[in-house]
Amino acid sequence: MDKAPLYKLNVYSFLTPVFGLYFGYAYFSETLSPVQWLGILLIIGAIPMVTSLSRKPEA
């Protein structure tokens, strides 16, 4: 991670709600709606696409 560019690592901050939903499901037996599952899939699916397409921002 020391050598990874920040603009690529910042994309992973979008996983925060996914982890929140996961821990709610795992520890508190919360049920997830189909819309929440769709959101999880969209976030997880978009991360590789965004990191592969992003380029270093111009200064």
PDB file of N, CA and C in Angstrom:
ATOM      1  N   MET A   1       0.807  -1.198   0.000  1.00  0.00           N
ATOM      2  CA  MET A   1       0.000   0.000   0.000  1.00  0.00           C
ATOM      3  C   MET A   1       0.850   1.261   0.000  1.00  0.00           C
ATOM      4  N   ASP A   2       2.081   1.168   0.444  1.00  0.00           N
ATOM      5  CA  ASP A   2       2.926   2.362   0.461  1.00  0.00           C
ATOM      6  C   ASP A   2       3.203   2.875  -0.946  1.00  0.00           C
ATOM      7  N   LYS A   3       3.258   1.982  -1.907  1.00  0.00           N
ATOM      8  CA  LYS A   3       3.588   2.371  -3.272  1.00  0.00           C
ATOM      9  C   LYS A   3       2.350   2.623  -4.135  1.00  0.00           C
ATOM     10  N   ALA A   4       1.173   2.267  -3.634  1.00  0.00           N
ATOM     11  CA  ALA A   4      -0.052   2.427  -4.428  1.00  0.00           C
ATOM     12  C   ALA A   4      -0.479   3.892  -4.451  1.00  0.00           C
ATOM     13  N   PRO A   5      -0.944   4.366  -5.596  1.00  0.00           N
ATOM     14  CA  PRO A   5      -1.389   5.758  -5.678  1.00  0.00           C
ATOM     15  C   PRO A   5      -2.696   5.962  -4.909  1.00  0.00           C
ATOM     16  N   LEU A   6      -2.791   7.093  -4.277  1.00  0.00           N
ATOM     17  CA  LEU A   6      -3.944   7.393  -3.432  1.00  0.00           C
ATOM     18  C   LEU A   6      -5.240   7.431  -4.221  1.00  0.00           C
ATOM     19  N   TYR A   7      -5.204   7.906  -5.446  1.00  0.00           N
ATOM     20  CA  TYR A   7      -6.435   8.005  -6.223  1.00  0.00           C
ATOM     21  C   TYR A   7      -7.028   6.630  -6.533  1.00  0.00           C
ATOM     22  N   LYS A   8      -6.214   5.577  -6.506  1.00  0.00           N
ATOM     23  CA  LYS A   8      -6.751   4.230  -6.689  1.00  0.00           C
ATOM     24  C   LYS A   8      -7.230   3.636  -5.369  1.00  0.00           C
ATOM     25  N   LEU A   9      -6.533   3.906  -4.291  1.00  0.00           N
ATOM     26  CA  LEU A   9      -6.933   3.368  -2.993  1.00  0.00           C
ATOM     27  C   LEU A   9      -8.202   4.026  -2.460  1.00  0.00           C
ATOM     28  N   ASN A  10      -8.432   5.274  -2.817  1.00  0.00           N
ATOM     29  CA  ASN A  10      -9.594   6.000  -2.320  1.00  0.00           C
ATOM     30  C   ASN A  10     -10.904   5.361  -2.769  1.00  0.00           C
ATOM     31  N   VAL A  11     -10.903   4.655  -3.877  1.00  0.00           N
ATOM     32  CA  VAL A  11     -12.113   4.016  -4.385  1.00  0.00           C
ATOM     33  C   VAL A  11     -12.632   2.980  -3.394  1.00  0.00           C
ATOM     34  N   TYR A  12     -11.739   2.350  -2.649  1.00  0.00           N
ATOM     35  CA  TYR A  12     -12.149   1.312  -1.716  1.00  0.00           C
ATOM     36  C   TYR A  12     -12.928   1.863  -0.522  1.00  0.00           C
ATOM     37  N   SER A  13     -12.958   3.168  -0.349  1.00  0.00           N
ATOM     38  CA  SER A  13     -13.775   3.740   0.725  1.00  0.00           C
ATOM     39  C   SER A  13     -15.259   3.521   0.462  1.00  0.00           C
ATOM     40  N   PHE A  14     -15.623   3.235  -0.785  1.00  0.00           N
ATOM     41  CA  PHE A  14     -17.023   2.939  -1.096  1.00  0.00           C
ATOM     42  C   PHE A  14     -17.471   1.605  -0.513  1.00  0.00           C
ATOM     43  N   LEU A  15     -16.546   0.806  -0.013  1.00  0.00           N
ATOM     44  CA  LEU A  15     -16.903  -0.466   0.608  1.00  0.00           C
ATOM     45  C   LEU A  15     -17.415  -0.302   2.037  1.00  0.00           C
ATOM     46  N   THR A  16     -17.326   0.876   2.606  1.00  0.00           N
ATOM     47  CA  THR A  16     -17.767   1.102   3.982  1.00  0.00           C
ATOM     48  C   THR A  16     -19.221   0.685   4.203  1.00  0.00           C
ATOM     49  N   PRO A  17     -20.184   1.109   3.375  1.00  0.00           N
ATOM     50  CA  PRO A  17     -21.555   0.655   3.607  1.00  0.00           C
ATOM     51  C   PRO A  17     -21.730  -0.844   3.388  1.00  0.00           C
ATOM     52  N   VAL A  18     -20.930  -1.426   2.508  1.00  0.00           N
ATOM     53  CA  VAL A  18     -21.019  -2.870   2.284  1.00  0.00           C
ATOM     54  C   VAL A  18     -20.617  -3.614   3.553  1.00  0.00           C
ATOM     55  N   PHE A  19     -19.530  -3.179   4.195  1.00  0.00           N
ATOM     56  CA  PHE A  19     -19.121  -3.807   5.449  1.00  0.00           C
ATOM     57  C   PHE A  19     -20.155  -3.581   6.543  1.00  0.00           C
ATOM     58  N   GLY A  20     -20.755  -2.405   6.578  1.00  0.00           N
ATOM     59  CA  GLY A  20     -21.807  -2.133   7.556  1.00  0.00           C
ATOM     60  C   GLY A  20     -22.988  -3.073   7.386  1.00  0.00           C
ATOM     61  N   LEU A  21     -23.408  -3.282   6.151  1.00  0.00           N
ATOM     62  CA  LEU A  21     -24.507  -4.218   5.892  1.00  0.00           C
ATOM     63  C   LEU A  21     -24.110  -5.643   6.247  1.00  0.00           C
ATOM     64  N   TYR A  22     -22.874  -6.008   5.924  1.00  0.00           N
ATOM     65  CA  TYR A  22     -22.415  -7.365   6.233  1.00  0.00           C
ATOM     66  C   TYR A  22     -22.411  -7.623   7.737  1.00  0.00           C
ATOM     67  N   PHE A  23     -21.850  -6.697   8.512  1.00  0.00           N
ATOM     68  CA  PHE A  23     -21.787  -6.908   9.956  1.00  0.00           C
ATOM     69  C   PHE A  23     -23.174  -6.873  10.588  1.00  0.00           C
ATOM     70  N   GLY A  24     -24.074  -6.054  10.071  1.00  0.00           N
ATOM     71  CA  GLY A  24     -25.453  -6.072  10.550  1.00  0.00           C
ATOM     72  C   GLY A  24     -26.121  -7.404  10.272  1.00  0.00           C
ATOM     73  N   TYR A  25     -25.835  -7.960   9.113  1.00  0.00           N
ATOM     74  CA  TYR A  25     -26.381  -9.261   8.737  1.00  0.00           C
ATOM     75  C   TYR A  25     -25.767 -10.373   9.587  1.00  0.00           C
ATOM     76  N   ALA A  26     -24.455 -10.339   9.769  1.00  0.00           N
ATOM     77  CA  ALA A  26     -23.748 -11.417  10.463  1.00  0.00           C
ATOM     78  C   ALA A  26     -23.972 -11.404  11.971  1.00  0.00           C
ATOM     79  N   TYR A  27     -23.936 -10.218  12.585  1.00  0.00           N
ATOM     80  CA  TYR A  27     -23.980 -10.153  14.044  1.00  0.00           C
ATOM     81  C   TYR A  27     -25.362  -9.873  14.613  1.00  0.00           C
ATOM     82  N   PHE A  28     -26.201  -9.208  13.856  1.00  0.00           N
ATOM     83  CA  PHE A  28     -27.509  -8.827  14.385  1.00  0.00           C
ATOM     84  C   PHE A  28     -28.662  -9.484  13.640  1.00  0.00           C
ATOM     85  N   SER A  29     -28.354 -10.415  12.763  1.00  0.00           N
ATOM     86  CA  SER A  29     -29.351 -11.169  11.994  1.00  0.00           C
ATOM     87  C   SER A  29     -30.322 -10.267  11.244  1.00  0.00           C
ATOM     88  N   GLU A  30     -29.830  -9.141  10.770  1.00  0.00           N
ATOM     89  CA  GLU A  30     -30.671  -8.257   9.972  1.00  0.00           C
ATOM     90  C   GLU A  30     -30.854  -8.868   8.588  1.00  0.00           C
ATOM     91  N   THR A  31     -32.024  -8.666   8.019  1.00  0.00           N
ATOM     92  CA  THR A  31     -32.260  -9.166   6.670  1.00  0.00           C
ATOM     93  C   THR A  31     -31.995  -8.045   5.673  1.00  0.00           C
ATOM     94  N   LEU A  32     -31.472  -8.421   4.537  1.00  0.00           N
ATOM     95  CA  LEU A  32     -31.164  -7.448   3.499  1.00  0.00           C
ATOM     96  C   LEU A  32     -32.216  -7.541   2.399  1.00  0.00           C
ATOM     97  N   SER A  33     -32.670  -6.391   1.951  1.00  0.00           N
ATOM     98  CA  SER A  33     -33.663  -6.348   0.879  1.00  0.00           C
ATOM     99  C   SER A  33     -32.975  -6.588  -0.465  1.00  0.00           C
ATOM    100  N   PRO A  34     -33.754  -6.926  -1.483  1.00  0.00           N
ATOM    101  CA  PRO A  34     -33.153  -7.099  -2.813  1.00  0.00           C
ATOM    102  C   PRO A  34     -32.441  -5.839  -3.313  1.00  0.00           C
ATOM    103  N   VAL A  35     -32.940  -4.675  -2.951  1.00  0.00           N
ATOM    104  CA  VAL A  35     -32.293  -3.428  -3.363  1.00  0.00           C
ATOM    105  C   VAL A  35     -30.920  -3.302  -2.703  1.00  0.00           C
ATOM    106  N   GLN A  36     -30.803  -3.708  -1.444  1.00  0.00           N
ATOM    107  CA  GLN A  36     -29.515  -3.661  -0.763  1.00  0.00           C
ATOM    108  C   GLN A  36     -28.527  -4.643  -1.397  1.00  0.00           C
ATOM    109  N   TRP A  37     -28.999  -5.838  -1.746  1.00  0.00           N
ATOM    110  CA  TRP A  37     -28.132  -6.806  -2.419  1.00  0.00           C
ATOM    111  C   TRP A  37     -27.679  -6.264  -3.771  1.00  0.00           C
ATOM    112  N   LEU A  38     -28.582  -5.609  -4.479  1.00  0.00           N
ATOM    113  CA  LEU A  38     -28.224  -5.013  -5.763  1.00  0.00           C
ATOM    114  C   LEU A  38     -27.169  -3.924  -5.583  1.00  0.00           C
ATOM    115  N   GLY A  39     -27.324  -3.112  -4.543  1.00  0.00           N
ATOM    116  CA  GLY A  39     -26.339  -2.075  -4.259  1.00  0.00           C
ATOM    117  C   GLY A  39     -24.973  -2.652  -3.952  1.00  0.00           C
ATOM    118  N   ILE A  40     -24.952  -3.727  -3.180  1.00  0.00           N
ATOM    119  CA  ILE A  40     -23.686  -4.390  -2.861  1.00  0.00           C
ATOM    120  C   ILE A  40     -23.014  -4.885  -4.140  1.00  0.00           C
ATOM    121  N   LEU A  41     -23.793  -5.521  -5.000  1.00  0.00           N
ATOM    122  CA  LEU A  41     -23.232  -6.029  -6.254  1.00  0.00           C
ATOM    123  C   LEU A  41     -22.729  -4.904  -7.149  1.00  0.00           C
ATOM    124  N   LEU A  42     -23.462  -3.803  -7.196  1.00  0.00           N
ATOM    125  CA  LEU A  42     -23.028  -2.671  -8.014  1.00  0.00           C
ATOM    126  C   LEU A  42     -21.720  -2.074  -7.505  1.00  0.00           C
ATOM    127  N   ILE A  43     -21.609  -1.923  -6.187  1.00  0.00           N
ATOM    128  CA  ILE A  43     -20.390  -1.351  -5.609  1.00  0.00           C
ATOM    129  C   ILE A  43     -19.199  -2.268  -5.854  1.00  0.00           C
ATOM    130  N   ILE A  44     -19.373  -3.552  -5.545  1.00  0.00           N
ATOM    131  CA  ILE A  44     -18.270  -4.494  -5.709  1.00  0.00           C
ATOM    132  C   ILE A  44     -17.902  -4.644  -7.183  1.00  0.00           C
ATOM    133  N   GLY A  45     -18.892  -4.608  -8.062  1.00  0.00           N
ATOM    134  CA  GLY A  45     -18.614  -4.719  -9.488  1.00  0.00           C
ATOM    135  C   GLY A  45     -17.976  -3.482 -10.081  1.00  0.00           C
ATOM    136  N   ALA A  46     -18.267  -2.323  -9.510  1.00  0.00           N
ATOM    137  CA  ALA A  46     -17.748  -1.074 -10.065  1.00  0.00           C
ATOM    138  C   ALA A  46     -16.307  -0.798  -9.647  1.00  0.00           C
ATOM    139  N   ILE A  47     -15.890  -1.312  -8.517  1.00  0.00           N
ATOM    140  CA  ILE A  47     -14.542  -1.011  -8.023  1.00  0.00           C
ATOM    141  C   ILE A  47     -13.454  -1.463  -9.001  1.00  0.00           C
ATOM    142  N   PRO A  48     -13.476  -2.702  -9.494  1.00  0.00           N
ATOM    143  CA  PRO A  48     -12.429  -3.071 -10.466  1.00  0.00           C
ATOM    144  C   PRO A  48     -12.488  -2.233 -11.740  1.00  0.00           C
ATOM    145  N   MET A  49     -13.699  -1.888 -12.151  1.00  0.00           N
ATOM    146  CA  MET A  49     -13.841  -1.089 -13.366  1.00  0.00           C
ATOM    147  C   MET A  49     -13.259   0.311 -13.171  1.00  0.00           C
ATOM    148  N   VAL A  50     -13.541   0.920 -12.042  1.00  0.00           N
ATOM    149  CA  VAL A  50     -13.053   2.276 -11.786  1.00  0.00           C
ATOM    150  C   VAL A  50     -11.541   2.285 -11.603  1.00  0.00           C
ATOM    151  N   THR A  51     -11.005   1.321 -10.881  1.00  0.00           N
ATOM    152  CA  THR A  51      -9.558   1.309 -10.652  1.00  0.00           C
ATOM    153  C   THR A  51      -8.785   1.002 -11.927  1.00  0.00           C
ATOM    154  N   SER A  52      -9.371   0.233 -12.825  1.00  0.00           N
ATOM    155  CA  SER A  52      -8.651  -0.055 -14.070  1.00  0.00           C
ATOM    156  C   SER A  52      -8.746   1.103 -15.052  1.00  0.00           C
ATOM    157  N   LEU A  53      -9.784   1.914 -14.949  1.00  0.00           N
ATOM    158  CA  LEU A  53      -9.962   3.030 -15.871  1.00  0.00           C
ATOM    159  C   LEU A  53      -9.358   4.333 -15.370  1.00  0.00           C
ATOM    160  N   SER A  54      -9.142   4.416 -14.053  1.00  0.00           N
ATOM    161  CA  SER A  54      -8.667   5.694 -13.529  1.00  0.00           C
ATOM    162  C   SER A  54      -7.211   5.922 -13.907  1.00  0.00           C
ATOM    163  N   ARG A  55      -6.913   7.168 -14.073  1.00  0.00           N
ATOM    164  CA  ARG A  55      -5.544   7.559 -14.381  1.00  0.00           C
ATOM    165  C   ARG A  55      -5.151   8.664 -13.427  1.00  0.00           C
ATOM    166  N   LYS A  56      -3.899   8.918 -13.374  1.00  0.00           N
ATOM    167  CA  LYS A  56      -3.396   9.917 -12.443  1.00  0.00           C
ATOM    168  C   LYS A  56      -3.983  11.288 -12.788  1.00  0.00           C
ATOM    169  N   PRO A  57      -4.569  11.958 -11.793  1.00  0.00           N
ATOM    170  CA  PRO A  57      -5.137  13.279 -12.068  1.00  0.00           C
ATOM    171  C   PRO A  57      -4.044  14.286 -12.426  1.00  0.00           C
ATOM    172  N   GLU A  58      -4.386  15.176 -13.323  1.00  0.00           N
ATOM    173  CA  GLU A  58      -3.425  16.192 -13.733  1.00  0.00           C
ATOM    174  C   GLU A  58      -3.329  17.283 -12.684  1.00  0.00           C
ATOM    175  N   ALA A  59      -2.132  17.754 -12.448  1.00  0.00           N
ATOM    176  CA  ALA A  59      -1.915  18.776 -11.420  1.00  0.00           C
ATOM    177  C   ALA A  59      -2.210  20.161 -11.939  1.00  0.00           C
TER     178      ALA A  59
END
